[in-house]
Amino acid sequence: MKEAALKDNILKKLVPDSDGLMSSPDSEILALEFKTTEYIIAYLVDLMAEDGYVSAMKTSGNTSPLSGRIVSITNKGMAFLEFGGYKKKKSREDLADVWSITKIVAGVLNALLVLAVACWGVTTQIEANNKQNPKGDGNKNLPVILSEPAKSADSLKPNYTVIKQSTKQDSTIEEVNK
């Protein structure tokens, strides 16, 4: 039996009966009923006492882990049990964990989608540029590396000059031999 279910079952055993009589079951009886050890039952009762759902008052000592204590459910424990108990608390925690993982996965997928759209945009732009300039003059945008230092800024100008300009957007250019 899982811890949350076992804690809920122990709390249910401590609920007063219809006559209002409180019960303080022995750990040995609870261990047999829930098929676990007395020490597990005592440990879980201690945890529930720390949470404030049961009160455990010490009486005379005995060899059984729960004997020597009067264990009863508190009002907080009764309300907690009414609102679903440890099973409901565990399911809420599990749901919060699932939502956290879902948010992380969604963020990663969003980032991958943005990268995919950016890559598609770059590819589309390169294809459009290649259609406009089919000669394959793709090196015109590369930086110029000089083997010797330039003497003046005029020496860096291209060796082309416009010899005829039409009314349209296109111009005829010719290389100037120097």
N, C-alpha and C. Protein backbone atom coordinates (compact mmCIF):
# COMPACT_ATOMS: atom_id res chain seq x y z
N MET A 1 0.85 -1.18 0.00
CA MET A 1 0.00 0.00 0.00
C MET A 1 0.89 1.23 0.00
N LYS A 2 0.50 2.24 -0.77
CA LYS A 2 1.30 3.45 -0.86
C LYS A 2 1.14 4.28 0.41
N GLU A 3 2.15 5.13 0.62
CA GLU A 3 2.20 5.91 1.86
C GLU A 3 0.97 6.79 2.04
N ALA A 4 0.54 7.49 0.98
CA ALA A 4 -0.61 8.39 1.10
C ALA A 4 -1.87 7.60 1.46
N ALA A 5 -2.08 6.46 0.81
CA ALA A 5 -3.26 5.65 1.09
C ALA A 5 -3.20 5.10 2.51
N LEU A 6 -2.02 4.69 2.94
CA LEU A 6 -1.86 4.14 4.29
C LEU A 6 -2.14 5.21 5.34
N LYS A 7 -1.65 6.43 5.12
CA LYS A 7 -1.91 7.52 6.06
C LYS A 7 -3.41 7.83 6.13
N ASP A 8 -4.07 7.84 4.96
CA ASP A 8 -5.52 8.10 4.94
C ASP A 8 -6.27 7.01 5.70
N ASN A 9 -5.86 5.75 5.51
CA ASN A 9 -6.53 4.65 6.21
C ASN A 9 -6.33 4.74 7.72
N ILE A 10 -5.14 5.14 8.15
CA ILE A 10 -4.89 5.30 9.59
C ILE A 10 -5.77 6.43 10.12
N LEU A 11 -5.84 7.54 9.38
CA LEU A 11 -6.70 8.64 9.82
C LEU A 11 -8.16 8.19 9.93
N LYS A 12 -8.62 7.41 8.96
CA LYS A 12 -10.01 6.94 8.98
C LYS A 12 -10.28 6.05 10.19
N LYS A 13 -9.27 5.27 10.61
CA LYS A 13 -9.42 4.42 11.79
C LYS A 13 -9.53 5.24 13.07
N LEU A 14 -9.00 6.47 13.03
CA LEU A 14 -9.01 7.31 14.22
C LEU A 14 -10.26 8.19 14.32
N VAL A 15 -11.08 8.19 13.28
CA VAL A 15 -12.30 9.00 13.29
C VAL A 15 -13.26 8.42 14.31
N PRO A 16 -13.88 9.28 15.12
CA PRO A 16 -14.84 8.78 16.13
C PRO A 16 -16.02 8.09 15.45
N ASP A 17 -16.55 7.09 16.15
CA ASP A 17 -17.70 6.38 15.60
C ASP A 17 -18.97 7.22 15.72
N SER A 18 -20.09 6.64 15.34
CA SER A 18 -21.35 7.40 15.33
C SER A 18 -21.78 7.83 16.73
N ASP A 19 -21.32 7.14 17.76
CA ASP A 19 -21.64 7.53 19.14
C ASP A 19 -20.69 8.59 19.65
N GLY A 20 -19.71 8.97 18.87
CA GLY A 20 -18.76 9.98 19.28
C GLY A 20 -17.59 9.44 20.08
N LEU A 21 -17.47 8.12 20.15
CA LEU A 21 -16.38 7.51 20.90
C LEU A 21 -15.12 7.51 20.06
N MET A 22 -14.04 8.00 20.64
CA MET A 22 -12.75 8.03 19.97
C MET A 22 -12.10 6.66 20.10
N SER A 23 -11.36 6.29 19.06
CA SER A 23 -10.64 5.03 19.14
C SER A 23 -9.16 5.32 19.02
N SER A 24 -8.39 4.55 19.77
CA SER A 24 -6.94 4.65 19.68
C SER A 24 -6.43 3.24 19.43
N PRO A 25 -6.40 2.83 18.16
CA PRO A 25 -6.06 1.44 17.87
C PRO A 25 -4.60 1.13 18.18
N ASP A 26 -4.36 -0.11 18.43
CA ASP A 26 -3.03 -0.61 18.72
C ASP A 26 -2.26 -0.74 17.41
N SER A 27 -0.97 -0.47 17.44
CA SER A 27 -0.15 -0.54 16.23
C SER A 27 -0.09 -1.96 15.67
N GLU A 28 -0.16 -2.94 16.54
CA GLU A 28 -0.11 -4.33 16.08
C GLU A 28 -1.36 -4.66 15.26
N ILE A 29 -2.52 -4.21 15.71
CA ILE A 29 -3.77 -4.47 14.99
C ILE A 29 -3.75 -3.73 13.64
N LEU A 30 -3.30 -2.47 13.66
CA LEU A 30 -3.23 -1.71 12.42
C LEU A 30 -2.24 -2.33 11.44
N ALA A 31 -1.12 -2.80 11.94
CA ALA A 31 -0.10 -3.41 11.08
C ALA A 31 -0.64 -4.67 10.41
N LEU A 32 -1.38 -5.48 11.16
CA LEU A 32 -1.98 -6.68 10.57
C LEU A 32 -3.04 -6.31 9.54
N GLU A 33 -3.86 -5.34 9.87
CA GLU A 33 -4.95 -4.95 8.97
C GLU A 33 -4.41 -4.35 7.67
N PHE A 34 -3.37 -3.55 7.76
CA PHE A 34 -2.83 -2.88 6.56
C PHE A 34 -1.63 -3.63 5.96
N LYS A 35 -1.32 -4.81 6.49
CA LYS A 35 -0.25 -5.68 5.97
C LYS A 35 1.09 -4.94 5.90
N THR A 36 1.50 -4.38 7.01
CA THR A 36 2.80 -3.71 7.12
C THR A 36 3.34 -3.95 8.53
N THR A 37 4.42 -3.30 8.88
CA THR A 37 5.01 -3.51 10.22
C THR A 37 4.51 -2.44 11.19
N GLU A 38 4.64 -2.75 12.46
CA GLU A 38 4.24 -1.80 13.51
C GLU A 38 5.09 -0.53 13.45
N TYR A 39 6.34 -0.68 13.06
CA TYR A 39 7.24 0.47 13.04
C TYR A 39 6.85 1.45 11.92
N ILE A 40 6.37 0.92 10.80
CA ILE A 40 5.89 1.78 9.72
C ILE A 40 4.66 2.56 10.20
N ILE A 41 3.77 1.86 10.88
CA ILE A 41 2.56 2.51 11.41
C ILE A 41 2.96 3.61 12.39
N ALA A 42 3.89 3.32 13.29
CA ALA A 42 4.34 4.30 14.27
C ALA A 42 5.00 5.49 13.58
N TYR A 43 5.81 5.22 12.57
CA TYR A 43 6.47 6.28 11.81
C TYR A 43 5.44 7.20 11.14
N LEU A 44 4.45 6.59 10.50
CA LEU A 44 3.43 7.39 9.82
C LEU A 44 2.59 8.20 10.80
N VAL A 45 2.32 7.63 11.97
CA VAL A 45 1.59 8.36 13.00
C VAL A 45 2.43 9.56 13.47
N ASP A 46 3.73 9.36 13.60
CA ASP A 46 4.61 10.47 13.99
C ASP A 46 4.60 11.57 12.92
N LEU A 47 4.63 11.18 11.64
CA LEU A 47 4.57 12.18 10.57
C LEU A 47 3.25 12.94 10.59
N MET A 48 2.16 12.22 10.80
CA MET A 48 0.85 12.89 10.85
C MET A 48 0.74 13.79 12.08
N ALA A 49 1.40 13.41 13.17
CA ALA A 49 1.41 14.26 14.36
C ALA A 49 2.20 15.53 14.08
N GLU A 50 3.32 15.44 13.32
CA GLU A 50 4.08 16.63 12.94
C GLU A 50 3.26 17.55 12.05
N ASP A 51 2.42 16.96 11.18
CA ASP A 51 1.55 17.76 10.32
C ASP A 51 0.38 18.35 11.08
N GLY A 52 0.11 17.84 12.28
CA GLY A 52 -0.98 18.36 13.10
C GLY A 52 -2.30 17.67 12.88
N TYR A 53 -2.30 16.53 12.20
CA TYR A 53 -3.55 15.83 11.89
C TYR A 53 -3.95 14.83 12.98
N VAL A 54 -2.98 14.41 13.78
CA VAL A 54 -3.28 13.54 14.93
C VAL A 54 -2.52 14.08 16.13
N SER A 55 -3.02 13.71 17.30
CA SER A 55 -2.27 14.03 18.51
C SER A 55 -1.89 12.71 19.17
N ALA A 56 -0.68 12.64 19.62
CA ALA A 56 -0.18 11.42 20.25
C ALA A 56 0.36 11.79 21.62
N MET A 57 -0.38 11.41 22.65
CA MET A 57 0.04 11.71 24.02
C MET A 57 0.65 10.46 24.63
N LYS A 58 1.79 10.65 25.30
CA LYS A 58 2.50 9.51 25.89
C LYS A 58 1.84 9.12 27.21
N THR A 59 1.79 7.82 27.41
CA THR A 59 1.32 7.28 28.69
C THR A 59 2.41 6.35 29.20
N SER A 60 2.07 5.27 29.80
CA SER A 60 3.09 4.35 30.31
C SER A 60 3.80 3.64 29.17
N GLY A 61 5.04 3.26 29.37
CA GLY A 61 5.84 2.61 28.35
C GLY A 61 5.42 1.17 28.11
N ASN A 62 5.62 0.72 26.89
CA ASN A 62 5.32 -0.66 26.53
C ASN A 62 6.23 -1.04 25.36
N THR A 63 6.22 -2.29 24.96
CA THR A 63 7.12 -2.74 23.91
C THR A 63 6.60 -2.41 22.51
N SER A 64 5.34 -2.23 22.35
CA SER A 64 4.77 -1.93 21.03
C SER A 64 5.05 -0.48 20.67
N PRO A 65 5.37 -0.18 19.42
CA PRO A 65 5.73 1.19 19.03
C PRO A 65 4.64 2.23 19.31
N LEU A 66 3.37 1.84 19.18
CA LEU A 66 2.30 2.81 19.44
C LEU A 66 1.72 2.68 20.83
N SER A 67 1.94 1.57 21.48
CA SER A 67 1.40 1.46 22.82
C SER A 67 2.20 2.39 23.73
N GLY A 68 1.58 2.86 24.72
CA GLY A 68 2.21 3.86 25.56
C GLY A 68 1.89 5.25 25.04
N ARG A 69 1.07 5.32 24.01
CA ARG A 69 0.61 6.60 23.47
C ARG A 69 -0.87 6.50 23.16
N ILE A 70 -1.56 7.57 23.45
CA ILE A 70 -2.96 7.65 23.05
C ILE A 70 -2.99 8.52 21.80
N VAL A 71 -3.41 7.91 20.71
CA VAL A 71 -3.42 8.61 19.42
C VAL A 71 -4.86 8.93 19.07
N SER A 72 -5.11 10.19 18.75
CA SER A 72 -6.46 10.58 18.33
C SER A 72 -6.35 11.60 17.19
N ILE A 73 -7.39 11.65 16.40
CA ILE A 73 -7.42 12.57 15.26
C ILE A 73 -7.81 13.96 15.75
N THR A 74 -7.18 14.99 15.20
CA THR A 74 -7.50 16.37 15.57
C THR A 74 -8.57 16.92 14.62
N ASN A 75 -9.09 18.09 14.97
CA ASN A 75 -10.06 18.73 14.08
C ASN A 75 -9.43 19.04 12.72
N LYS A 76 -8.18 19.44 12.74
CA LYS A 76 -7.45 19.69 11.50
C LYS A 76 -7.38 18.41 10.68
N GLY A 77 -7.14 17.27 11.34
CA GLY A 77 -7.09 15.98 10.67
C GLY A 77 -8.42 15.58 10.09
N MET A 78 -9.51 15.86 10.83
CA MET A 78 -10.86 15.55 10.33
C MET A 78 -11.15 16.37 9.07
N ALA A 79 -10.83 17.67 9.12
CA ALA A 79 -11.08 18.53 7.95
C ALA A 79 -10.20 18.10 6.78
N PHE A 80 -8.96 17.77 7.08
CA PHE A 80 -8.03 17.32 6.03
C PHE A 80 -8.56 16.06 5.35
N LEU A 81 -9.08 15.13 6.15
CA LEU A 81 -9.65 13.90 5.61
C LEU A 81 -10.89 14.19 4.77
N GLU A 82 -11.71 15.14 5.22
CA GLU A 82 -12.91 15.52 4.46
C GLU A 82 -12.56 16.12 3.10
N PHE A 83 -11.46 16.86 3.03
CA PHE A 83 -11.04 17.50 1.78
C PHE A 83 -10.19 16.60 0.88
N GLY A 84 -10.14 15.31 1.21
CA GLY A 84 -9.45 14.38 0.32
C GLY A 84 -8.26 13.69 0.94
N GLY A 85 -7.73 14.22 2.00
CA GLY A 85 -6.62 13.56 2.68
C GLY A 85 -5.32 13.58 1.91
N TYR A 86 -4.49 12.62 2.27
CA TYR A 86 -3.16 12.55 1.68
C TYR A 86 -3.19 12.15 0.21
N LYS A 87 -4.18 11.34 -0.21
CA LYS A 87 -4.28 10.96 -1.62
C LYS A 87 -4.51 12.19 -2.49
N LYS A 88 -5.42 13.04 -2.06
CA LYS A 88 -5.73 14.26 -2.84
C LYS A 88 -4.52 15.20 -2.84
N LYS A 89 -3.84 15.31 -1.70
CA LYS A 89 -2.65 16.16 -1.61
C LYS A 89 -1.56 15.65 -2.56
N LYS A 90 -1.38 14.33 -2.59
CA LYS A 90 -0.37 13.73 -3.48
C LYS A 90 -0.73 13.95 -4.94
N SER A 91 -2.01 13.81 -5.28
CA SER A 91 -2.41 14.00 -6.68
C SER A 91 -2.23 15.45 -7.10
N ARG A 92 -2.46 16.40 -6.20
CA ARG A 92 -2.21 17.82 -6.52
C ARG A 92 -0.73 18.08 -6.75
N GLU A 93 0.13 17.48 -5.93
CA GLU A 93 1.57 17.63 -6.11
C GLU A 93 2.03 17.01 -7.42
N ASP A 94 1.47 15.84 -7.76
CA ASP A 94 1.82 15.19 -9.02
C ASP A 94 1.36 16.03 -10.20
N LEU A 95 0.17 16.61 -10.10
CA LEU A 95 -0.34 17.46 -11.17
C LEU A 95 0.54 18.70 -11.35
N ALA A 96 1.00 19.28 -10.25
CA ALA A 96 1.89 20.44 -10.33
C ALA A 96 3.21 20.05 -11.01
N ASP A 97 3.72 18.86 -10.71
CA ASP A 97 4.95 18.38 -11.36
C ASP A 97 4.74 18.19 -12.86
N VAL A 98 3.59 17.61 -13.23
CA VAL A 98 3.29 17.39 -14.64
C VAL A 98 3.20 18.73 -15.37
N TRP A 99 2.54 19.72 -14.74
CA TRP A 99 2.42 21.04 -15.37
C TRP A 99 3.79 21.70 -15.53
N SER A 100 4.67 21.53 -14.56
CA SER A 100 6.01 22.09 -14.68
C SER A 100 6.75 21.47 -15.86
N ILE A 101 6.67 20.17 -15.99
CA ILE A 101 7.33 19.49 -17.11
C ILE A 101 6.70 19.92 -18.43
N THR A 102 5.37 20.05 -18.45
CA THR A 102 4.68 20.48 -19.66
C THR A 102 5.12 21.87 -20.09
N LYS A 103 5.27 22.76 -19.13
CA LYS A 103 5.72 24.13 -19.44
C LYS A 103 7.13 24.12 -20.02
N ILE A 104 8.01 23.30 -19.47
CA ILE A 104 9.38 23.22 -19.97
C ILE A 104 9.39 22.68 -21.40
N VAL A 105 8.63 21.62 -21.64
CA VAL A 105 8.57 21.03 -22.98
C VAL A 105 8.00 22.04 -23.97
N ALA A 106 6.94 22.76 -23.56
CA ALA A 106 6.35 23.77 -24.45
C ALA A 106 7.35 24.88 -24.76
N GLY A 107 8.14 25.29 -23.79
CA GLY A 107 9.15 26.32 -24.02
C GLY A 107 10.22 25.86 -25.00
N VAL A 108 10.66 24.62 -24.85
CA VAL A 108 11.68 24.08 -25.75
C VAL A 108 11.11 23.96 -27.17
N LEU A 109 9.88 23.45 -27.29
CA LEU A 109 9.26 23.34 -28.61
C LEU A 109 9.07 24.71 -29.25
N ASN A 110 8.71 25.69 -28.46
CA ASN A 110 8.56 27.06 -28.96
C ASN A 110 9.89 27.57 -29.50
N ALA A 111 10.97 27.35 -28.76
CA ALA A 111 12.29 27.81 -29.20
C ALA A 111 12.69 27.10 -30.50
N LEU A 112 12.42 25.81 -30.60
CA LEU A 112 12.74 25.07 -31.82
C LEU A 112 11.92 25.57 -33.00
N LEU A 113 10.67 25.90 -32.76
CA LEU A 113 9.82 26.43 -33.82
C LEU A 113 10.33 27.78 -34.31
N VAL A 114 10.74 28.63 -33.39
CA VAL A 114 11.28 29.94 -33.77
C VAL A 114 12.55 29.75 -34.60
N LEU A 115 13.42 28.83 -34.20
CA LEU A 115 14.64 28.56 -34.98
C LEU A 115 14.30 28.02 -36.36
N ALA A 116 13.30 27.15 -36.45
CA ALA A 116 12.91 26.59 -37.74
C ALA A 116 12.37 27.68 -38.66
N VAL A 117 11.56 28.59 -38.12
CA VAL A 117 11.02 29.68 -38.93
C VAL A 117 12.15 30.60 -39.38
N ALA A 118 13.10 30.87 -38.50
CA ALA A 118 14.24 31.72 -38.87
C ALA A 118 15.08 31.06 -39.97
N CYS A 119 15.33 29.78 -39.87
CA CYS A 119 16.09 29.06 -40.91
C CYS A 119 15.33 29.07 -42.23
N TRP A 120 14.04 28.87 -42.18
CA TRP A 120 13.21 28.91 -43.39
C TRP A 120 13.29 30.29 -44.03
N GLY A 121 13.23 31.35 -43.21
CA GLY A 121 13.32 32.72 -43.73
C GLY A 121 14.65 32.98 -44.41
N VAL A 122 15.73 32.54 -43.80
CA VAL A 122 17.06 32.73 -44.38
C VAL A 122 17.16 31.95 -45.70
N THR A 123 16.69 30.72 -45.71
CA THR A 123 16.73 29.91 -46.93
C THR A 123 15.91 30.55 -48.04
N THR A 124 14.74 31.04 -47.71
CA THR A 124 13.88 31.71 -48.70
C THR A 124 14.57 32.95 -49.25
N GLN A 125 15.20 33.70 -48.40
CA GLN A 125 15.90 34.92 -48.83
C GLN A 125 17.07 34.58 -49.75
N ILE A 126 17.82 33.55 -49.43
CA ILE A 126 18.94 33.13 -50.28
C ILE A 126 18.43 32.69 -51.64
N GLU A 127 17.34 31.93 -51.67
CA GLU A 127 16.76 31.50 -52.94
C GLU A 127 16.28 32.68 -53.76
N ALA A 128 15.67 33.67 -53.12
CA ALA A 128 15.21 34.86 -53.82
C ALA A 128 16.39 35.64 -54.39
N ASN A 129 17.45 35.75 -53.64
CA ASN A 129 18.65 36.44 -54.12
C ASN A 129 19.27 35.71 -55.31
N ASN A 130 19.27 34.38 -55.27
CA ASN A 130 19.83 33.60 -56.38
C ASN A 130 18.97 33.73 -57.64
N LYS A 131 17.67 33.89 -57.50
CA LYS A 131 16.80 34.07 -58.66
C LYS A 131 17.02 35.44 -59.29
N GLN A 132 17.30 36.44 -58.47
CA GLN A 132 17.54 37.79 -58.99
C GLN A 132 18.91 37.88 -59.65
N ASN A 133 19.87 37.14 -59.21
CA ASN A 133 21.23 37.21 -59.72
C ASN A 133 21.66 35.81 -60.17
N PRO A 134 21.15 35.36 -61.34
CA PRO A 134 21.43 33.98 -61.75
C PRO A 134 22.85 33.74 -62.22
N LYS A 135 23.67 34.79 -62.43
CA LYS A 135 25.03 34.62 -62.92
C LYS A 135 25.94 33.96 -61.88
N GLY A 136 25.47 33.89 -60.67
CA GLY A 136 26.28 33.28 -59.63
C GLY A 136 27.32 34.21 -59.07
N ASP A 137 27.08 35.52 -59.17
CA ASP A 137 28.01 36.49 -58.61
C ASP A 137 27.71 36.64 -57.12
N GLY A 138 27.84 35.56 -56.41
CA GLY A 138 27.53 35.57 -54.99
C GLY A 138 28.65 36.12 -54.15
N ASN A 139 29.82 36.41 -54.76
CA ASN A 139 30.96 36.90 -54.00
C ASN A 139 30.97 38.41 -53.84
N LYS A 140 29.97 39.10 -54.42
CA LYS A 140 30.02 40.56 -54.37
C LYS A 140 29.82 41.12 -52.96
N ASN A 141 29.23 40.35 -52.08
CA ASN A 141 29.00 40.84 -50.72
C ASN A 141 30.07 40.38 -49.74
N LEU A 142 31.06 39.66 -50.23
CA LEU A 142 32.13 39.20 -49.35
C LEU A 142 33.11 40.34 -49.10
N PRO A 143 33.75 40.37 -47.97
CA PRO A 143 34.72 41.44 -47.69
C PRO A 143 35.95 41.32 -48.59
N VAL A 144 36.53 42.45 -48.90
CA VAL A 144 37.73 42.49 -49.73
C VAL A 144 38.94 42.36 -48.82
N ILE A 145 39.83 41.45 -49.16
CA ILE A 145 41.06 41.28 -48.38
C ILE A 145 42.20 41.76 -49.26
N LEU A 146 42.91 42.75 -48.79
CA LEU A 146 44.01 43.35 -49.56
C LEU A 146 45.31 42.62 -49.23
N SER A 147 46.07 42.33 -50.29
CA SER A 147 47.35 41.70 -50.05
C SER A 147 48.41 42.73 -49.69
N GLU A 148 48.20 43.97 -50.13
CA GLU A 148 49.10 45.06 -49.79
C GLU A 148 48.28 46.19 -49.20
N PRO A 149 48.87 46.99 -48.35
CA PRO A 149 48.09 48.11 -47.79
C PRO A 149 47.71 49.10 -48.90
N ALA A 150 46.53 49.65 -48.81
CA ALA A 150 46.06 50.63 -49.81
C ALA A 150 46.76 51.96 -49.59
N LYS A 151 47.09 52.64 -50.72
CA LYS A 151 47.76 53.94 -50.62
C LYS A 151 46.76 55.06 -50.38
N SER A 152 45.56 54.95 -50.95
CA SER A 152 44.54 55.96 -50.72
C SER A 152 43.18 55.29 -50.83
N ALA A 153 42.15 56.01 -50.43
CA ALA A 153 40.79 55.48 -50.49
C ALA A 153 40.34 55.30 -51.92
N ASP A 154 40.85 56.13 -52.87
CA ASP A 154 40.46 56.01 -54.27
C ASP A 154 40.93 54.69 -54.88
N SER A 155 42.01 54.15 -54.36
CA SER A 155 42.51 52.91 -54.92
C SER A 155 41.61 51.72 -54.56
N LEU A 156 40.70 51.90 -53.61
CA LEU A 156 39.80 50.83 -53.20
C LEU A 156 38.52 50.81 -54.03
N LYS A 157 38.26 51.85 -54.84
CA LYS A 157 37.06 51.90 -55.66
C LYS A 157 37.14 50.84 -56.74
N PRO A 158 35.98 50.28 -57.13
CA PRO A 158 36.02 49.27 -58.19
C PRO A 158 36.43 49.88 -59.51
N ASN A 159 36.94 49.05 -60.39
CA ASN A 159 37.43 49.51 -61.69
C ASN A 159 36.32 49.50 -62.74
N TYR A 160 35.18 50.00 -62.39
CA TYR A 160 34.06 50.06 -63.32
C TYR A 160 33.57 51.50 -63.41
N THR A 161 33.05 51.84 -64.56
CA THR A 161 32.46 53.17 -64.74
C THR A 161 31.23 53.02 -65.63
N VAL A 162 30.26 53.87 -65.45
CA VAL A 162 29.03 53.82 -66.24
C VAL A 162 29.31 54.52 -67.57
N ILE A 163 29.09 53.81 -68.68
CA ILE A 163 29.34 54.42 -69.99
C ILE A 163 28.04 54.80 -70.69
N LYS A 164 26.95 54.19 -70.33
CA LYS A 164 25.68 54.54 -70.94
C LYS A 164 24.60 54.28 -69.91
N GLN A 165 23.73 55.23 -69.71
CA GLN A 165 22.67 55.05 -68.75
C GLN A 165 21.35 55.23 -69.47
N SER A 166 20.47 54.28 -69.35
CA SER A 166 19.19 54.36 -70.04
C SER A 166 18.14 54.92 -69.10
N THR A 167 16.95 55.10 -69.62
CA THR A 167 15.86 55.63 -68.80
C THR A 167 15.34 54.57 -67.86
N LYS A 168 15.61 53.34 -68.15
CA LYS A 168 15.17 52.26 -67.27
C LYS A 168 16.13 52.15 -66.10
N GLN A 169 15.85 51.21 -65.23
CA GLN A 169 16.67 51.01 -64.05
C GLN A 169 18.01 50.38 -64.38
N ASP A 170 18.14 49.73 -65.53
CA ASP A 170 19.40 49.04 -65.82
C ASP A 170 20.39 49.97 -66.51
N SER A 171 21.63 49.76 -66.30
CA SER A 171 22.70 50.55 -66.87
C SER A 171 23.71 49.60 -67.49
N THR A 172 24.42 50.11 -68.50
CA THR A 172 25.48 49.32 -69.10
C THR A 172 26.79 49.74 -68.45
N ILE A 173 27.56 48.77 -68.04
CA ILE A 173 28.83 49.09 -67.40
C ILE A 173 29.95 48.39 -68.16
N GLU A 174 31.10 48.99 -68.09
CA GLU A 174 32.24 48.43 -68.80
C GLU A 174 33.45 48.57 -67.89
N GLU A 175 34.33 47.58 -67.94
CA GLU A 175 35.52 47.63 -67.11
C GLU A 175 36.51 48.63 -67.69
N VAL A 176 37.07 49.44 -66.81
CA VAL A 176 38.07 50.43 -67.21
C VAL A 176 39.43 49.79 -67.04
N ASN A 177 40.18 49.79 -68.06
CA ASN A 177 41.54 49.22 -67.99
C ASN A 177 42.50 50.33 -67.57
N LYS A 178 43.22 50.10 -66.59
CA LYS A 178 44.17 51.09 -66.09
C LYS A 178 45.56 50.62 -66.28
